[in-house]
Amino acid sequence: MSKKEKALAYSAHRSTWGGRSIQFFDLPSSSTIWDELRRIKENSNEQKMLGIDGIAIHSCAISNNYCGFLEMLSSMQSGTKNRIKVNYEVSKNGRRKLAGIEIDEIVIKTHTKCWEIQPKTKI
């Protein structure tokens, strides 16, 4: 499949399911990483697990310092090892779902609630 065909298929999928397509400055998953970092509360156990660079990029995200966030993200994703990435799990129905964020091989779960669709009960 060519790049053009992939882009059209992706666009159709996003249009159908209401997905977002945001990626700033050629940094993969930058928008999702920003959102997931902002889910982590200050002075929480999850924040304490982040490490020095994780705490620094987290403080950029929660203080709305997008420039600082992008600079840190760029340095953490450069080179041969991607030190920060989005973490996914496989749901019961076999689909991949967002679970949290991984920084320096430490996984922080940011999606802990599990929602299920139940059939409507008859009255």
C-alpha atoms as a PDB file:
ATOM      1  CA  MET A   1       0.000   0.000   0.000  1.00  0.00           C
ATOM      2  CA  SER A   2       1.426   3.399  -0.963  1.00  0.00           C
ATOM      3  CA  LYS A   3       1.785   6.311   1.472  1.00  0.00           C
ATOM      4  CA  LYS A   4      -1.068   8.110  -0.256  1.00  0.00           C
ATOM      5  CA  GLU A   5      -3.368   5.086   0.087  1.00  0.00           C
ATOM      6  CA  LYS A   6      -2.406   4.700   3.766  1.00  0.00           C
ATOM      7  CA  ALA A   7      -3.128   8.388   4.400  1.00  0.00           C
ATOM      8  CA  LEU A   8      -6.537   8.130   2.724  1.00  0.00           C
ATOM      9  CA  ALA A   9      -7.415   4.979   4.678  1.00  0.00           C
ATOM     10  CA  TYR A  10      -6.315   6.614   7.925  1.00  0.00           C
ATOM     11  CA  SER A  11      -8.319   9.745   7.135  1.00  0.00           C
ATOM     12  CA  ALA A  12     -11.416   7.659   6.434  1.00  0.00           C
ATOM     13  CA  HIS A  13     -10.965   5.751   9.705  1.00  0.00           C
ATOM     14  CA  ARG A  14     -10.576   8.988  11.697  1.00  0.00           C
ATOM     15  CA  SER A  15     -13.644  10.507  10.033  1.00  0.00           C
ATOM     16  CA  THR A  16     -15.739   7.435  10.765  1.00  0.00           C
ATOM     17  CA  TRP A  17     -14.714   6.983  14.399  1.00  0.00           C
ATOM     18  CA  GLY A  18     -14.063  10.607  15.396  1.00  0.00           C
ATOM     19  CA  GLY A  19     -10.315  10.199  15.996  1.00  0.00           C
ATOM     20  CA  ARG A  20      -7.811  13.001  16.333  1.00  0.00           C
ATOM     21  CA  SER A  21      -4.736  13.352  14.190  1.00  0.00           C
ATOM     22  CA  ILE A  22      -2.290  15.687  15.870  1.00  0.00           C
ATOM     23  CA  GLN A  23       1.467  15.375  15.749  1.00  0.00           C
ATOM     24  CA  PHE A  24       3.680  18.381  16.317  1.00  0.00           C
ATOM     25  CA  PHE A  25       7.154  18.926  14.911  1.00  0.00           C
ATOM     26  CA  ASP A  26       7.589  15.361  13.673  1.00  0.00           C
ATOM     27  CA  LEU A  27       7.551  13.916  17.197  1.00  0.00           C
ATOM     28  CA  PRO A  28       5.541  10.675  17.207  1.00  0.00           C
ATOM     29  CA  SER A  29       2.659  10.612  19.706  1.00  0.00           C
ATOM     30  CA  SER A  30       3.514  14.068  21.058  1.00  0.00           C
ATOM     31  CA  SER A  31      -0.128  14.992  21.652  1.00  0.00           C
ATOM     32  CA  THR A  32      -0.948  11.707  23.385  1.00  0.00           C
ATOM     33  CA  ILE A  33       2.177  11.875  25.565  1.00  0.00           C
ATOM     34  CA  TRP A  34       1.226  15.448  26.539  1.00  0.00           C
ATOM     35  CA  ASP A  35      -2.310  14.315  27.478  1.00  0.00           C
ATOM     36  CA  GLU A  36      -1.111  11.280  29.429  1.00  0.00           C
ATOM     37  CA  LEU A  37       1.472  13.280  31.383  1.00  0.00           C
ATOM     38  CA  ARG A  38      -1.223  15.770  32.334  1.00  0.00           C
ATOM     39  CA  ARG A  39      -3.317  12.911  33.776  1.00  0.00           C
ATOM     40  CA  ILE A  40      -0.627  12.266  36.397  1.00  0.00           C
ATOM     41  CA  LYS A  41      -1.391  14.311  39.512  1.00  0.00           C
ATOM     42  CA  GLU A  42       1.266  16.358  41.307  1.00  0.00           C
ATOM     43  CA  ASN A  43       2.715  14.750  44.457  1.00  0.00           C
ATOM     44  CA  SER A  44       1.123  11.387  43.604  1.00  0.00           C
ATOM     45  CA  ASN A  45       2.765   7.969  43.774  1.00  0.00           C
ATOM     46  CA  GLU A  46       2.784   7.903  39.970  1.00  0.00           C
ATOM     47  CA  GLN A  47       4.714  11.178  39.801  1.00  0.00           C
ATOM     48  CA  LYS A  48       7.300   9.860  42.262  1.00  0.00           C
ATOM     49  CA  MET A  49       7.908   6.874  39.959  1.00  0.00           C
ATOM     50  CA  LEU A  50       8.855   9.084  36.988  1.00  0.00           C
ATOM     51  CA  GLY A  51      12.561   9.699  37.650  1.00  0.00           C
ATOM     52  CA  ILE A  52      14.482  12.947  37.057  1.00  0.00           C
ATOM     53  CA  ASP A  53      13.716  13.422  33.352  1.00  0.00           C
ATOM     54  CA  GLY A  54      10.157  12.162  33.804  1.00  0.00           C
ATOM     55  CA  ILE A  55       9.480  14.679  36.564  1.00  0.00           C
ATOM     56  CA  ALA A  56      10.977  17.456  34.422  1.00  0.00           C
ATOM     57  CA  ILE A  57       8.834  16.689  31.365  1.00  0.00           C
ATOM     58  CA  HIS A  58       5.793  16.188  33.605  1.00  0.00           C
ATOM     59  CA  SER A  59       6.287  19.616  35.163  1.00  0.00           C
ATOM     60  CA  CYS A  60       6.435  21.136  31.660  1.00  0.00           C
ATOM     61  CA  ALA A  61       3.142  19.439  30.768  1.00  0.00           C
ATOM     62  CA  ILE A  62       1.217  20.430  33.896  1.00  0.00           C
ATOM     63  CA  SER A  63       2.481  24.025  33.763  1.00  0.00           C
ATOM     64  CA  ASN A  64       1.455  24.375  30.073  1.00  0.00           C
ATOM     65  CA  ASN A  65       5.085  24.888  28.989  1.00  0.00           C
ATOM     66  CA  TYR A  66       4.666  23.303  25.559  1.00  0.00           C
ATOM     67  CA  CYS A  67       7.995  24.615  24.263  1.00  0.00           C
ATOM     68  CA  GLY A  68       9.880  23.016  27.180  1.00  0.00           C
ATOM     69  CA  PHE A  69       7.828  19.847  26.755  1.00  0.00           C
ATOM     70  CA  LEU A  70       8.714  19.579  23.047  1.00  0.00           C
ATOM     71  CA  GLU A  71      12.417  20.179  23.747  1.00  0.00           C
ATOM     72  CA  MET A  72      12.476  17.463  26.427  1.00  0.00           C
ATOM     73  CA  LEU A  73      10.402  15.083  24.299  1.00  0.00           C
ATOM     74  CA  SER A  74      12.732  15.607  21.358  1.00  0.00           C
ATOM     75  CA  SER A  75      15.790  14.767  23.453  1.00  0.00           C
ATOM     76  CA  MET A  76      14.074  11.722  24.998  1.00  0.00           C
ATOM     77  CA  GLN A  77      13.052  10.367  21.576  1.00  0.00           C
ATOM     78  CA  SER A  78      16.327  11.019  19.784  1.00  0.00           C
ATOM     79  CA  GLY A  79      19.016   8.429  19.198  1.00  0.00           C
ATOM     80  CA  THR A  80      18.523   4.693  19.020  1.00  0.00           C
ATOM     81  CA  LYS A  81      16.384   4.311  22.150  1.00  0.00           C
ATOM     82  CA  ASN A  82      12.988   5.914  22.593  1.00  0.00           C
ATOM     83  CA  ARG A  83      12.894   6.713  26.325  1.00  0.00           C
ATOM     84  CA  ILE A  84       9.274   7.868  26.411  1.00  0.00           C
ATOM     85  CA  LYS A  85       6.297   6.315  24.678  1.00  0.00           C
ATOM     86  CA  VAL A  86       2.613   5.601  24.955  1.00  0.00           C
ATOM     87  CA  ASN A  87       1.694   2.293  26.576  1.00  0.00           C
ATOM     88  CA  TYR A  88      -1.132   0.147  25.190  1.00  0.00           C
ATOM     89  CA  GLU A  89      -2.958  -2.970  26.413  1.00  0.00           C
ATOM     90  CA  VAL A  90      -5.161  -5.447  24.566  1.00  0.00           C
ATOM     91  CA  SER A  91      -8.804  -5.290  25.675  1.00  0.00           C
ATOM     92  CA  LYS A  92     -11.134  -8.257  26.176  1.00  0.00           C
ATOM     93  CA  ASN A  93     -12.389  -7.987  22.610  1.00  0.00           C
ATOM     94  CA  GLY A  94      -8.834  -8.068  21.229  1.00  0.00           C
ATOM     95  CA  ARG A  95      -8.503  -4.376  20.437  1.00  0.00           C
ATOM     96  CA  ARG A  96      -5.544  -2.266  21.458  1.00  0.00           C
ATOM     97  CA  LYS A  97      -6.439   0.401  24.009  1.00  0.00           C
ATOM     98  CA  LEU A  98      -4.505   3.206  25.628  1.00  0.00           C
ATOM     99  CA  ALA A  99      -3.299   2.228  29.102  1.00  0.00           C
ATOM    100  CA  GLY A 100      -0.739   4.842  30.114  1.00  0.00           C
ATOM    101  CA  ILE A 101       2.761   6.077  29.481  1.00  0.00           C
ATOM    102  CA  GLU A 102       6.201   4.477  29.681  1.00  0.00           C
ATOM    103  CA  ILE A 103       9.227   6.540  30.685  1.00  0.00           C
ATOM    104  CA  ASP A 104      12.661   4.899  30.965  1.00  0.00           C
ATOM    105  CA  GLU A 105      10.981   1.463  31.060  1.00  0.00           C
ATOM    106  CA  ILE A 106       8.716   2.456  33.972  1.00  0.00           C
ATOM    107  CA  VAL A 107       5.049   2.052  33.094  1.00  0.00           C
ATOM    108  CA  ILE A 108       2.600   4.507  34.626  1.00  0.00           C
ATOM    109  CA  LYS A 109      -1.050   3.506  34.197  1.00  0.00           C
ATOM    110  CA  THR A 110      -3.209   6.536  33.550  1.00  0.00           C
ATOM    111  CA  HIS A 111      -6.363   4.706  32.439  1.00  0.00           C
ATOM    112  CA  THR A 112      -7.477   2.685  35.436  1.00  0.00           C
ATOM    113  CA  LYS A 113     -11.257   2.790  35.035  1.00  0.00           C
ATOM    114  CA  CYS A 114     -12.866   0.077  32.966  1.00  0.00           C
ATOM    115  CA  TRP A 115     -16.109   0.947  31.224  1.00  0.00           C
ATOM    116  CA  GLU A 116     -18.374  -1.644  29.692  1.00  0.00           C
ATOM    117  CA  ILE A 117     -21.506  -1.298  27.605  1.00  0.00           C
ATOM    118  CA  GLN A 118     -24.404  -3.122  29.194  1.00  0.00           C
ATOM    119  CA  PRO A 119     -27.653  -3.941  27.422  1.00  0.00           C
ATOM    120  CA  LYS A 120     -30.595  -1.871  28.523  1.00  0.00           C
ATOM    121  CA  THR A 121     -32.796  -3.719  30.975  1.00  0.00           C
ATOM    122  CA  LYS A 122     -36.464  -4.008  30.167  1.00  0.00           C
ATOM    123  CA  ILE A 123     -38.891  -2.421  32.603  1.00  0.00           C
END
